[in-house]
């Protein structure tokens, strides 16, 4: 079961303390405990239930993560949300000034004009490895909603493997494992 749903009382406390003026989008699965989901409902919490029967099993559940993240980010876009903080449900943020801090980082270190992104996508160093090629952590990301949609708008893991001439049994390129984070990059 989803960690966030098990800890819903704690989550509501954190949201009320640090994110009281933010739209919280929880993109989870129809198979989750309905009572726990009901307990999470609040005026600034929007819950999206995805059909997990339609998602093909994959390494590290990357197909589920791609699907649920895309649904949430596209919902945020319909709500005209300029910036999103994408987190895993088993990670916590304890900074009551986080939004201001992250936006100031984006504005202080702008990207050069390009056709790929409008501004930087910020990630913590935890889970991002210096000597692991194309490995940006998917644990937590902050950026403009459009940029995050572009980052997460990917095909399923098995389709990505096939495009690169790889398979579930052979997923190494030049001795580098094609892990979910690498696929996304």
Protein backbone atom coordinates (compact mmCIF):
# COMPACT_ATOMS: atom_id res chain seq x y z
CA UNK A 1 0.00 0.00 0.00
CA UNK A 2 1.05 3.55 -0.71
CA UNK A 3 3.12 4.94 2.18
CA UNK A 4 1.38 8.30 2.02
CA UNK A 5 -2.04 6.78 2.45
CA UNK A 6 -0.93 4.79 5.50
CA UNK A 7 0.32 7.98 7.13
CA UNK A 8 -2.60 10.23 6.15
CA UNK A 9 -2.97 11.95 9.54
CA UNK A 10 0.71 12.91 9.51
CA UNK A 11 0.43 14.08 5.90
CA UNK A 12 -2.55 16.33 6.65
CA UNK A 13 -0.58 17.84 9.55
CA UNK A 14 2.47 18.55 7.34
CA UNK A 15 0.27 20.02 4.60
CA UNK A 16 -1.55 22.28 7.05
CA UNK A 17 1.75 23.41 8.55
CA UNK A 18 3.96 23.98 5.49
CA UNK A 19 1.76 23.93 2.38
CA UNK A 20 -1.49 25.54 3.51
CA UNK A 21 -1.71 27.83 0.45
CA UNK A 22 -0.73 25.20 -2.11
CA UNK A 23 -2.76 22.85 -4.24
CA UNK A 24 -1.73 19.31 -3.23
CA UNK A 25 -2.28 16.69 -5.92
CA UNK A 26 -2.09 13.05 -4.91
CA UNK A 27 -2.04 10.79 -7.92
CA UNK A 28 -2.50 7.22 -6.69
CA UNK A 29 -4.26 4.00 -7.65
CA UNK A 30 -7.87 2.83 -7.65
CA UNK A 31 -6.75 -0.27 -5.73
CA UNK A 32 -5.81 1.80 -2.64
CA UNK A 33 -7.86 1.66 0.56
CA UNK A 34 -10.90 3.89 -0.09
CA UNK A 35 -11.35 4.84 3.58
CA UNK A 36 -7.77 6.12 3.84
CA UNK A 37 -8.27 8.10 0.64
CA UNK A 38 -11.48 9.65 2.01
CA UNK A 39 -9.62 10.73 5.16
CA UNK A 40 -7.12 12.65 3.03
CA UNK A 41 -9.73 14.78 1.25
CA UNK A 42 -9.43 18.44 2.11
CA UNK A 43 -10.11 21.75 0.39
CA UNK A 44 -6.58 22.05 -1.03
CA UNK A 45 -5.95 18.31 -1.60
CA UNK A 46 -7.00 16.92 -4.97
CA UNK A 47 -6.85 13.13 -5.27
CA UNK A 48 -6.62 11.42 -8.65
CA UNK A 49 -7.29 7.69 -8.79
CA UNK A 50 -5.57 5.95 -11.68
CA UNK A 51 -6.43 2.51 -13.05
CA UNK A 52 -3.37 0.43 -12.24
CA UNK A 53 -4.72 -2.56 -14.18
CA UNK A 54 -3.90 -0.67 -17.40
CA UNK A 55 -0.23 -0.16 -16.47
CA UNK A 56 2.26 -2.76 -17.63
CA UNK A 57 4.57 -4.06 -14.86
CA UNK A 58 8.10 -2.67 -15.10
CA UNK A 59 11.41 -2.45 -13.28
CA UNK A 60 11.13 -0.25 -10.19
CA UNK A 61 7.49 0.47 -11.12
CA UNK A 62 8.67 3.18 -13.53
CA UNK A 63 5.61 2.74 -15.78
CA UNK A 64 3.32 3.46 -12.82
CA UNK A 65 5.44 6.43 -11.81
CA UNK A 66 5.42 7.87 -15.34
CA UNK A 67 1.63 7.44 -15.62
CA UNK A 68 0.68 8.83 -12.21
CA UNK A 69 3.13 11.74 -12.46
CA UNK A 70 1.89 12.72 -15.93
CA UNK A 71 -1.73 12.69 -14.79
CA UNK A 72 -0.91 14.89 -11.78
CA UNK A 73 1.23 17.36 -13.73
CA UNK A 74 -1.35 17.71 -16.49
CA UNK A 75 -4.04 18.34 -13.86
CA UNK A 76 -1.81 21.04 -12.33
CA UNK A 77 -1.51 22.61 -15.79
CA UNK A 78 -5.33 22.77 -16.11
CA UNK A 79 -5.35 24.63 -12.78
CA UNK A 80 -2.79 27.16 -14.11
CA UNK A 81 -0.15 26.08 -11.60
CA UNK A 82 3.14 27.66 -12.68
CA UNK A 83 5.51 25.62 -10.46
CA UNK A 84 5.25 22.05 -9.17
CA UNK A 85 7.09 20.12 -6.52
CA UNK A 86 6.95 16.44 -7.48
CA UNK A 87 7.79 14.13 -4.60
CA UNK A 88 7.54 10.50 -3.77
CA UNK A 89 5.02 9.82 -1.06
CA UNK A 90 7.61 8.38 1.31
CA UNK A 91 9.70 11.59 1.39
CA UNK A 92 9.14 14.60 3.60
CA UNK A 93 9.94 18.28 3.29
CA UNK A 94 10.21 20.32 6.47
CA UNK A 95 10.80 23.87 5.31
CA UNK A 96 8.08 26.45 5.69
CA UNK A 97 9.88 28.72 3.22
CA UNK A 98 10.50 26.06 0.56
CA UNK A 99 8.47 27.56 -2.29
CA UNK A 100 10.17 30.96 -1.97
CA UNK A 101 13.60 29.34 -1.70
CA UNK A 102 13.17 27.10 -4.77
CA UNK A 103 11.70 29.86 -6.95
CA UNK A 104 14.57 32.17 -5.94
CA UNK A 105 17.07 29.48 -7.03
CA UNK A 106 15.38 29.21 -10.42
CA UNK A 107 15.44 32.99 -10.85
CA UNK A 108 19.02 33.35 -9.59
CA UNK A 109 20.34 30.68 -11.98
CA UNK A 110 18.33 31.05 -15.19
CA UNK A 111 18.93 28.79 -18.17
CA UNK A 112 20.11 30.18 -21.46
CA UNK A 113 17.32 30.58 -23.97
CA UNK A 114 16.64 27.20 -25.59
CA UNK A 115 13.89 25.06 -27.08
CA UNK A 116 13.87 22.40 -24.34
CA UNK A 117 13.05 24.06 -21.02
CA UNK A 118 11.98 27.44 -19.67
CA UNK A 119 13.87 27.17 -16.39
CA UNK A 120 15.90 24.73 -14.33
CA UNK A 121 14.50 21.56 -12.85
CA UNK A 122 15.82 21.38 -9.30
CA UNK A 123 16.55 18.04 -7.61
CA UNK A 124 18.25 17.11 -4.34
CA UNK A 125 21.67 15.46 -4.52
CA UNK A 126 20.31 12.37 -2.75
CA UNK A 127 19.84 9.71 -5.41
CA UNK A 128 21.67 11.65 -8.13
CA UNK A 129 25.04 10.04 -8.78
CA UNK A 130 28.06 11.95 -10.07
CA UNK A 131 29.60 9.04 -11.95
CA UNK A 132 26.39 7.42 -13.19
CA UNK A 133 25.68 8.83 -16.65
CA UNK A 134 22.29 10.46 -17.18
CA UNK A 135 21.00 9.75 -13.69
CA UNK A 136 18.82 12.51 -12.28
CA UNK A 137 16.96 11.45 -9.15
CA UNK A 138 13.21 11.02 -9.40
CA UNK A 139 12.73 11.24 -5.62
CA UNK A 140 11.88 14.94 -5.65
CA UNK A 141 11.82 17.58 -8.41
CA UNK A 142 10.82 21.22 -8.57
CA UNK A 143 10.33 23.35 -11.65
CA UNK A 144 7.88 24.97 -13.99
CA UNK A 145 4.92 22.69 -14.59
CA UNK A 146 5.48 22.70 -18.37
CA UNK A 147 9.13 21.68 -17.95
CA UNK A 148 8.20 18.82 -15.63
CA UNK A 149 5.52 17.65 -18.06
CA UNK A 150 8.13 17.58 -20.83
CA UNK A 151 10.53 15.64 -18.59
CA UNK A 152 7.95 13.04 -17.54
CA UNK A 153 6.22 12.68 -20.92
CA UNK A 154 7.89 9.36 -21.74
CA UNK A 155 6.91 6.05 -23.23
CA UNK A 156 6.73 2.94 -21.06
CA UNK A 157 10.00 1.40 -19.90
CA UNK A 158 9.76 -1.62 -22.21
CA UNK A 159 9.13 0.63 -25.23
CA UNK A 160 12.18 2.71 -24.29
CA UNK A 161 14.30 -0.43 -24.01
CA UNK A 162 13.10 -1.67 -27.39
CA UNK A 163 13.86 1.67 -29.08
CA UNK A 164 17.45 1.34 -27.87
CA UNK A 165 17.76 -2.27 -29.01
CA UNK A 166 17.68 -3.54 -25.42
CA UNK A 167 15.46 -5.89 -23.44
CA UNK A 168 14.56 -6.80 -19.85
CA UNK A 169 17.44 -9.29 -19.87
CA UNK A 170 19.94 -6.98 -21.58
CA UNK A 171 19.56 -3.41 -20.34
CA UNK A 172 23.14 -2.16 -20.31
CA UNK A 173 24.66 0.39 -22.70
CA UNK A 174 28.48 0.54 -22.59
CA UNK A 175 28.41 -1.08 -19.14
CA UNK A 176 25.88 1.49 -17.90
CA UNK A 177 22.58 0.13 -16.64
CA UNK A 178 19.48 1.65 -18.21
CA UNK A 179 17.64 2.26 -14.95
CA UNK A 180 14.37 4.22 -14.69
CA UNK A 181 16.17 7.50 -13.93
CA UNK A 182 18.37 7.06 -17.01
CA UNK A 183 15.34 6.32 -19.19
CA UNK A 184 13.75 9.59 -18.06
CA UNK A 185 16.89 11.59 -18.87
